[in-house]
Protein backbone atom coordinates (compact mmCIF):
# COMPACT_ATOMS: atom_id res chain seq x y z
CA MET A 1 -22.66 4.30 -13.27
CA PRO A 2 -19.57 2.22 -12.49
CA ASP A 3 -16.14 3.51 -13.62
CA ALA A 4 -15.70 2.82 -17.26
CA GLY A 5 -12.09 1.75 -16.32
CA LEU A 6 -13.38 -1.44 -14.59
CA ARG A 7 -12.21 -3.98 -17.15
CA PRO A 8 -9.38 -6.51 -17.40
CA ARG A 9 -6.06 -4.68 -17.73
CA SER A 10 -2.48 -5.61 -18.52
CA ALA A 11 0.17 -4.78 -15.96
CA SER A 12 1.21 -1.71 -17.74
CA GLU A 13 -2.34 -0.54 -18.00
CA ILE A 14 -2.81 -1.14 -14.26
CA VAL A 15 0.16 1.01 -13.49
CA ASP A 16 -1.05 3.75 -15.84
CA ALA A 17 -4.55 3.75 -14.25
CA ALA A 18 -2.87 3.86 -10.87
CA LEU A 19 -0.82 6.86 -11.82
CA ARG A 20 -3.87 8.65 -13.04
CA LEU A 21 -5.64 7.78 -9.74
CA MET A 22 -2.73 9.09 -7.85
CA ARG A 23 -2.64 12.45 -9.78
CA ALA A 24 -6.38 12.96 -9.27
CA HIS A 25 -5.97 13.88 -5.60
CA TYR A 26 -2.13 13.71 -5.13
CA ALA A 27 -2.03 16.24 -2.33
CA ALA A 28 -4.75 14.45 -0.44
CA TRP A 29 -3.03 11.05 -0.74
CA VAL A 30 0.41 12.52 0.53
CA MET A 31 -1.47 14.19 3.43
CA LEU A 32 -3.25 10.95 4.38
CA LEU A 33 -0.17 8.82 4.26
CA ALA A 34 1.80 11.37 6.07
CA LEU A 35 -0.86 11.52 8.86
CA PHE A 36 -0.38 7.83 9.58
CA THR A 37 3.37 7.34 8.81
CA LEU A 38 4.87 10.32 10.56
CA PRO A 39 4.70 8.65 13.97
CA SER A 40 6.80 5.80 12.67
CA ILE A 41 9.32 8.32 11.13
CA ALA A 42 9.50 10.12 14.57
CA PHE A 43 9.98 6.82 16.36
CA SER A 44 12.80 5.73 14.05
CA GLN A 45 14.49 9.15 14.86
CA VAL A 46 14.05 8.59 18.54
CA MET A 47 15.71 5.15 18.17
CA PHE A 48 18.30 6.24 15.59
CA ASP A 49 21.33 6.24 18.01
CA ALA A 50 20.23 2.84 19.65
CA MET A 51 20.09 1.22 16.13
CA ARG A 52 23.68 2.17 15.26
CA LEU A 53 26.43 -0.29 15.15
CA THR A 54 28.08 -0.80 18.54
CA ALA A 55 31.88 -0.56 19.00
CA GLY A 56 32.10 -4.31 18.36
CA ALA A 57 30.58 -3.91 15.02
CA LYS A 58 27.38 -5.70 16.13
CA LEU A 59 23.93 -4.55 15.12
CA ALA A 60 21.63 -3.60 17.92
CA TRP A 61 19.00 -6.05 17.12
CA GLY A 62 16.48 -5.11 19.85
CA PRO A 63 15.95 -1.43 18.80
CA THR A 64 16.36 -2.29 15.08
CA LEU A 65 13.59 -5.02 15.33
CA ALA A 66 11.36 -2.62 17.37
CA VAL A 67 11.71 0.05 14.58
CA LEU A 68 11.12 -2.50 11.74
CA GLY A 69 8.08 -3.93 13.62
CA ALA A 70 6.62 -0.49 14.19
CA SER A 71 7.16 0.39 10.48
CA VAL A 72 5.43 -2.76 9.24
CA VAL A 73 2.35 -2.07 11.38
CA VAL A 74 2.31 1.71 10.59
CA ASN A 75 2.70 1.05 6.78
CA ALA A 76 -0.15 -1.52 6.81
CA VAL A 77 -2.38 0.96 8.49
CA ALA A 78 -1.42 3.76 6.14
CA GLU A 79 -1.93 1.61 3.06
CA GLY A 80 -5.22 0.27 4.53
CA VAL A 81 -6.69 3.68 4.82
CA ALA A 82 -5.22 4.91 1.51
CA VAL A 83 -6.66 2.04 -0.50
CA THR A 84 -10.06 2.70 1.17
CA ALA A 85 -10.06 6.34 0.04
CA MET A 86 -8.55 5.53 -3.43
CA ALA A 87 -11.19 2.84 -4.06
CA GLU A 88 -14.02 5.34 -3.73
CA VAL A 89 -12.35 7.62 -6.24
CA TYR A 90 -11.56 4.72 -8.59
CA LEU A 91 -15.09 3.72 -8.63
CA GLY A 92 -16.32 7.23 -9.53
CA ARG A 93 -17.38 8.39 -6.14
CA PRO A 94 -16.44 11.60 -4.36
CA LEU A 95 -13.30 11.66 -2.14
CA ASP A 96 -14.20 11.30 1.45
CA LEU A 97 -11.16 10.97 3.74
CA ALA A 98 -13.20 10.96 6.92
CA ARG A 99 -15.19 7.96 5.74
CA ALA A 100 -11.96 6.27 4.90
CA ILE A 101 -10.52 6.87 8.40
CA ALA A 102 -13.71 5.67 9.97
CA ARG A 103 -13.52 2.54 7.91
CA LEU A 104 -10.01 1.99 9.08
CA TRP A 105 -10.93 2.02 12.63
CA SER A 106 -13.67 -0.50 12.22
CA ARG A 107 -11.35 -2.84 10.33
CA LEU A 108 -8.19 -2.14 12.34
CA LEU A 109 -7.86 -5.47 14.12
CA PRO A 110 -8.56 -7.59 11.08
CA LEU A 111 -5.95 -5.61 9.21
CA LEU A 112 -3.31 -6.06 11.94
CA LEU A 113 -3.96 -9.78 12.13
CA ALA A 114 -3.76 -10.27 8.45
CA THR A 115 -0.60 -8.21 8.33
CA VAL A 116 1.00 -10.31 11.04
CA VAL A 117 0.09 -13.65 9.28
CA ARG A 118 1.36 -12.30 5.97
CA TRP A 119 4.77 -11.38 7.44
CA VAL A 120 5.12 -14.59 9.39
CA ILE A 121 4.57 -16.57 6.14
CA MET A 122 6.88 -14.33 4.03
CA ILE A 123 9.74 -14.33 6.54
CA ALA A 124 9.48 -18.06 6.91
CA GLY A 125 9.60 -18.38 3.15
CA TRP A 126 12.64 -16.08 2.81
CA ILE A 127 14.49 -18.08 5.64
CA VAL A 128 13.79 -21.46 3.95
CA LEU A 129 14.36 -20.15 0.43
CA VAL A 130 14.00 -16.78 -1.21
CA VAL A 131 11.46 -18.05 -3.87
CA PRO A 132 8.71 -19.11 -1.27
CA GLY A 133 8.99 -15.69 0.31
CA VAL A 134 8.46 -13.97 -3.02
CA PHE A 135 5.64 -16.36 -3.85
CA ALA A 136 3.85 -15.43 -0.54
CA SER A 137 4.31 -11.75 -1.23
CA ILE A 138 2.74 -12.08 -4.63
CA ARG A 139 -0.24 -14.13 -3.41
CA THR A 140 -0.87 -11.50 -0.66
CA ALA A 141 -0.29 -8.47 -2.87
CA CYS A 142 -3.95 -7.33 -2.34
CA LEU A 143 -4.31 -8.24 1.31
CA ASP A 144 -4.94 -4.60 2.50
CA CYS A 145 -7.63 -4.20 -0.19
CA SER A 146 -9.23 -7.56 0.80
CA VAL A 147 -9.37 -6.48 4.46
CA MET A 148 -10.62 -2.95 3.88
CA LEU A 149 -12.79 -3.17 0.75
CA ASP A 150 -14.37 -6.63 0.88
CA ASP A 151 -17.31 -6.82 3.33
CA ALA A 152 -17.28 -10.68 3.05
CA SER A 153 -13.82 -10.75 4.78
CA ASP A 154 -14.99 -10.09 8.34
CA ASP A 155 -11.74 -11.08 10.00
CA GLY A 156 -8.00 -11.16 9.40
CA LEU A 157 -7.81 -14.84 8.42
CA SER A 158 -10.69 -14.76 6.00
CA ALA A 159 -9.23 -11.59 4.46
CA PHE A 160 -5.99 -13.41 3.99
CA GLN A 161 -7.72 -16.45 2.43
CA ARG A 162 -9.59 -14.00 0.16
CA ALA A 163 -6.48 -12.26 -1.01
CA TRP A 164 -4.75 -15.59 -1.59
CA SER A 165 -7.66 -16.93 -3.71
CA LEU A 166 -7.90 -13.78 -5.79
CA THR A 167 -4.30 -14.13 -7.04
CA ALA A 168 -4.53 -17.89 -7.71
CA ASP A 169 -3.52 -18.72 -11.30
CA ARG A 170 -2.68 -15.00 -11.80
CA GLU A 171 0.68 -15.02 -10.19
CA SER A 172 2.68 -13.92 -13.28
CA HIS A 173 0.20 -11.05 -13.88
CA VAL A 174 0.46 -9.89 -10.27
CA PHE A 175 4.34 -10.35 -10.26
CA LEU A 176 4.77 -8.13 -13.35
CA THR A 177 2.41 -5.48 -11.95
CA MET A 178 4.22 -5.42 -8.60
CA LEU A 179 7.61 -5.34 -10.48
CA LEU A 180 6.59 -2.21 -12.37
CA MET A 181 5.27 -0.70 -9.16
CA PHE A 182 8.57 -1.20 -7.38
CA ALA A 183 10.50 0.09 -10.37
CA ILE A 184 8.55 3.36 -10.31
CA TYR A 185 9.16 3.55 -6.49
CA ALA A 186 12.84 2.80 -7.03
CA VAL A 187 13.11 5.70 -9.48
CA GLY A 188 11.50 7.98 -6.95
CA TYR A 189 13.78 6.64 -4.34
CA VAL A 190 16.82 7.55 -6.34
CA VAL A 191 15.42 11.02 -7.03
CA VAL A 192 14.91 11.56 -3.28
CA MET A 193 18.57 10.38 -2.50
CA ILE A 194 20.02 12.74 -5.12
CA ALA A 195 17.90 15.62 -3.81
CA VAL A 196 19.09 14.85 -0.21
CA ARG A 197 22.69 14.80 -1.33
CA LEU A 198 22.46 18.03 -3.27
CA ALA A 199 20.69 19.59 -0.12
CA VAL A 200 23.64 18.53 2.10
CA PHE A 201 26.21 19.78 -0.50
CA ALA A 202 24.49 23.18 -0.72
CA MET A 203 23.76 23.43 3.06
CA PRO A 204 26.48 21.83 5.21
CA LEU A 205 24.37 22.32 8.37
CA LEU A 206 22.26 19.43 7.11
CA HIS A 207 25.20 17.12 7.20
CA GLY A 208 24.76 14.15 9.45
CA GLN A 209 23.23 10.68 9.26
CA ARG A 210 20.33 11.58 11.45
CA LEU A 211 19.30 14.50 9.40
CA ASN A 212 19.94 12.55 6.15
CA SER A 213 17.57 9.81 7.35
CA LEU A 214 14.87 12.23 8.43
CA ALA A 215 14.99 14.16 5.14
CA GLN A 216 14.82 10.95 3.12
CA SER A 217 11.86 9.59 5.06
CA VAL A 218 9.95 12.83 4.65
CA LEU A 219 10.60 13.15 0.91
CA LEU A 220 9.77 9.55 0.32
CA LEU A 221 6.19 10.37 1.44
CA PHE A 222 5.76 12.11 -1.97
CA VAL A 223 6.51 8.75 -3.77
CA LEU A 224 4.56 6.52 -1.40
CA PRO A 225 1.10 6.98 -2.92
CA VAL A 226 2.06 4.90 -6.01
CA MET A 227 1.88 1.68 -3.92
CA PRO A 228 -1.62 1.77 -2.54
CA ALA A 229 -2.80 3.18 -6.01
CA VAL A 230 -1.36 0.21 -7.90
CA ARG A 231 -2.62 -2.27 -5.28
CA THR A 232 -6.18 -0.68 -5.48
CA VAL A 233 -6.35 -1.02 -9.20
CA LEU A 234 -4.89 -4.43 -9.17
CA TYR A 235 -7.47 -5.60 -6.67
CA TYR A 236 -10.35 -4.46 -8.90
CA ASP A 237 -8.60 -5.87 -11.97
CA LEU A 238 -8.41 -9.37 -10.23
CA ARG A 239 -12.08 -9.11 -9.14
CA VAL A 240 -13.05 -8.19 -12.76
CA ARG A 241 -11.11 -11.20 -14.14
CA LYS A 242 -12.16 -13.71 -11.69
CA GLU A 243 -15.70 -12.54 -10.55
CA GLY A 244 -17.00 -10.28 -13.34
CA LEU A 245 -17.18 -7.42 -10.90
CA ASP A 246 -17.67 -4.88 -13.78
CA VAL A 247 -20.85 -6.75 -15.07
CA GLU A 248 -22.13 -6.97 -11.46
CA LEU A 249 -21.73 -3.27 -10.83
CA LEU A 250 -23.17 -2.44 -14.16
CA SER A 251 -26.23 -4.61 -13.42
CA ARG A 252 -26.72 -2.89 -9.98
CA ALA A 253 -26.61 0.57 -11.71
CA LEU A 254 -29.09 -0.42 -14.26
CA ASP A 255 -31.41 -1.91 -11.69
CA ALA A 256 -31.23 1.23 -9.61
CA ALA A 257 -31.81 3.64 -12.58
CA PRO A 258 -35.55 3.05 -12.90
CA ALA A 259 -36.11 3.68 -9.18
CA ALA A 260 -34.14 6.90 -9.30
CA ARG A 261 -36.40 8.28 -12.12
CA PRO A 262 -39.32 10.47 -11.03
CA ALA A 263 -42.83 8.88 -11.32
């Protein structure tokens, strides 16, 4: 049977369901995200000195942009594999990390293309005016899910169009949901910053910008699962609202039930 949680939800209900989804296999989510984000953390550490301000107080744009670009790509890949695994659990199926990773490799190019298109549009919107950039981020909030979970989206552009259409006329709902998600992440971020400061105070050997940066990045991995969890629940919420996905899955389950009974 489909998950009884497949129903239209308010923004607060989406976040609550996402937190329950996150707690269901918390260690697995952290491990999965760490597997794909640690290379980006390592790269940022290698480039740490190159990114620092020069004697002329000018930012080293080349290394900084390289690290930011790598972070965008790695985060997209990490969220892609995370939403794939979380979707299975949310729909009441067993957790299968190997299957999620295999799915990622099969959808990697569409995911990267969709991510590039998304960031080009968002950056252009932020440069022109802030509001268009925020609007683009809202309309593409479920982009990773569209690429990884929707078989009809067979390339990056169709996945982008799919994510854009799912959020049409639901912008305020998506905005409030994402606002709550970032509020939770912000609280976790503050807790991590406090923990790092206390660790530095207790252990002076940890003092230093590089070590502080590394400790913050690693500890934030324990907060990171909230983002793909919220996006996963939001994606299914939008499909329930716009396409009646809950009714469709229930109908499939009922049709399959007689065939599963012994003759």
